[in-house]
Amino acid sequence: MEFLIAADVIKTILKPSLEEVAILGAIVVIRTVISYFLNIETEKCQLHQDEDAKIKI
């Protein structure tokens, strides 16, 4: 996925068109949203694991 995004960025820099810039922007927004929610889920899982560890002790 990282290579595809890097390829899109390079392609857009070398020969930008409105459509390519819009697609690249959409990809960046989607990845940002996914990363945000993945971070939240990771923190929740960590909290549950910490709580389970305290109960077992």
C-alpha atoms as a PDB file:
ATOM      1  CA  MET A   1       0.000   0.000   0.000  1.00  0.00           C
ATOM      2  CA  GLU A   2       2.834   2.386   0.852  1.00  0.00           C
ATOM      3  CA  PHE A   3       4.462   1.816  -2.534  1.00  0.00           C
ATOM      4  CA  LEU A   4       1.208   2.530  -4.349  1.00  0.00           C
ATOM      5  CA  ILE A   5       0.741   5.799  -2.501  1.00  0.00           C
ATOM      6  CA  ALA A   6       4.349   6.809  -3.145  1.00  0.00           C
ATOM      7  CA  ALA A   7       3.889   6.005  -6.846  1.00  0.00           C
ATOM      8  CA  ASP A   8       0.722   8.127  -6.963  1.00  0.00           C
ATOM      9  CA  VAL A   9       2.483  11.026  -5.247  1.00  0.00           C
ATOM     10  CA  ILE A  10       5.413  10.907  -7.692  1.00  0.00           C
ATOM     11  CA  LYS A  11       3.084  10.610 -10.673  1.00  0.00           C
ATOM     12  CA  THR A  12       0.992  13.536  -9.448  1.00  0.00           C
ATOM     13  CA  ILE A  13       4.073  15.693  -8.878  1.00  0.00           C
ATOM     14  CA  LEU A  14       5.491  14.957 -12.326  1.00  0.00           C
ATOM     15  CA  LYS A  15       2.267  15.319 -14.299  1.00  0.00           C
ATOM     16  CA  PRO A  16      -0.540  16.686 -12.163  1.00  0.00           C
ATOM     17  CA  SER A  17      -4.116  16.625 -13.334  1.00  0.00           C
ATOM     18  CA  LEU A  18      -7.189  17.593 -11.358  1.00  0.00           C
ATOM     19  CA  GLU A  19      -8.445  14.008 -11.325  1.00  0.00           C
ATOM     20  CA  GLU A  20      -5.145  12.610 -10.028  1.00  0.00           C
ATOM     21  CA  VAL A  21      -4.895  15.255  -7.315  1.00  0.00           C
ATOM     22  CA  ALA A  22      -8.485  14.484  -6.236  1.00  0.00           C
ATOM     23  CA  ILE A  23      -7.800  10.734  -6.124  1.00  0.00           C
ATOM     24  CA  LEU A  24      -4.597  11.267  -4.155  1.00  0.00           C
ATOM     25  CA  GLY A  25      -6.440  13.545  -1.726  1.00  0.00           C
ATOM     26  CA  ALA A  26      -9.176  10.946  -1.268  1.00  0.00           C
ATOM     27  CA  ILE A  27      -6.603   8.240  -0.564  1.00  0.00           C
ATOM     28  CA  VAL A  28      -4.892  10.416   2.026  1.00  0.00           C
ATOM     29  CA  VAL A  29      -8.212  11.200   3.748  1.00  0.00           C
ATOM     30  CA  ILE A  30      -9.280   7.542   3.786  1.00  0.00           C
ATOM     31  CA  ARG A  31      -5.917   6.421   5.199  1.00  0.00           C
ATOM     32  CA  THR A  32      -6.042   9.132   7.859  1.00  0.00           C
ATOM     33  CA  VAL A  33      -9.525   8.066   8.971  1.00  0.00           C
ATOM     34  CA  ILE A  34      -8.568   4.381   9.020  1.00  0.00           C
ATOM     35  CA  SER A  35      -5.418   5.121  11.031  1.00  0.00           C
ATOM     36  CA  TYR A  36      -7.403   7.216  13.516  1.00  0.00           C
ATOM     37  CA  PHE A  37      -9.966   4.499  14.187  1.00  0.00           C
ATOM     38  CA  LEU A  38      -7.304   1.780  14.252  1.00  0.00           C
ATOM     39  CA  ASN A  39      -5.495   3.779  16.927  1.00  0.00           C
ATOM     40  CA  ILE A  40      -8.673   3.997  18.996  1.00  0.00           C
ATOM     41  CA  GLU A  41      -9.283   0.252  18.702  1.00  0.00           C
ATOM     42  CA  THR A  42      -5.678  -0.516  19.632  1.00  0.00           C
ATOM     43  CA  GLU A  43      -5.951   1.624  22.763  1.00  0.00           C
ATOM     44  CA  LYS A  44      -9.222  -0.101  23.743  1.00  0.00           C
ATOM     45  CA  CYS A  45      -7.651  -3.531  23.308  1.00  0.00           C
ATOM     46  CA  GLN A  46      -4.677  -2.485  25.418  1.00  0.00           C
ATOM     47  CA  LEU A  47      -7.004  -1.261  28.188  1.00  0.00           C
ATOM     48  CA  HIS A  48      -8.917  -4.552  28.148  1.00  0.00           C
ATOM     49  CA  GLN A  49      -5.693  -6.537  28.291  1.00  0.00           C
ATOM     50  CA  ASP A  50      -4.482  -4.445  31.234  1.00  0.00           C
ATOM     51  CA  GLU A  51      -7.796  -4.961  33.043  1.00  0.00           C
ATOM     52  CA  ASP A  52      -7.679  -8.730  32.403  1.00  0.00           C
ATOM     53  CA  ALA A  53      -4.104  -8.879  33.726  1.00  0.00           C
ATOM     54  CA  LYS A  54      -5.135  -7.090  36.940  1.00  0.00           C
ATOM     55  CA  ILE A  55      -8.059  -9.485  37.478  1.00  0.00           C
ATOM     56  CA  LYS A  56      -5.829 -12.587  37.071  1.00  0.00           C
ATOM     57  CA  ILE A  57      -3.348 -11.349  39.680  1.00  0.00           C
END
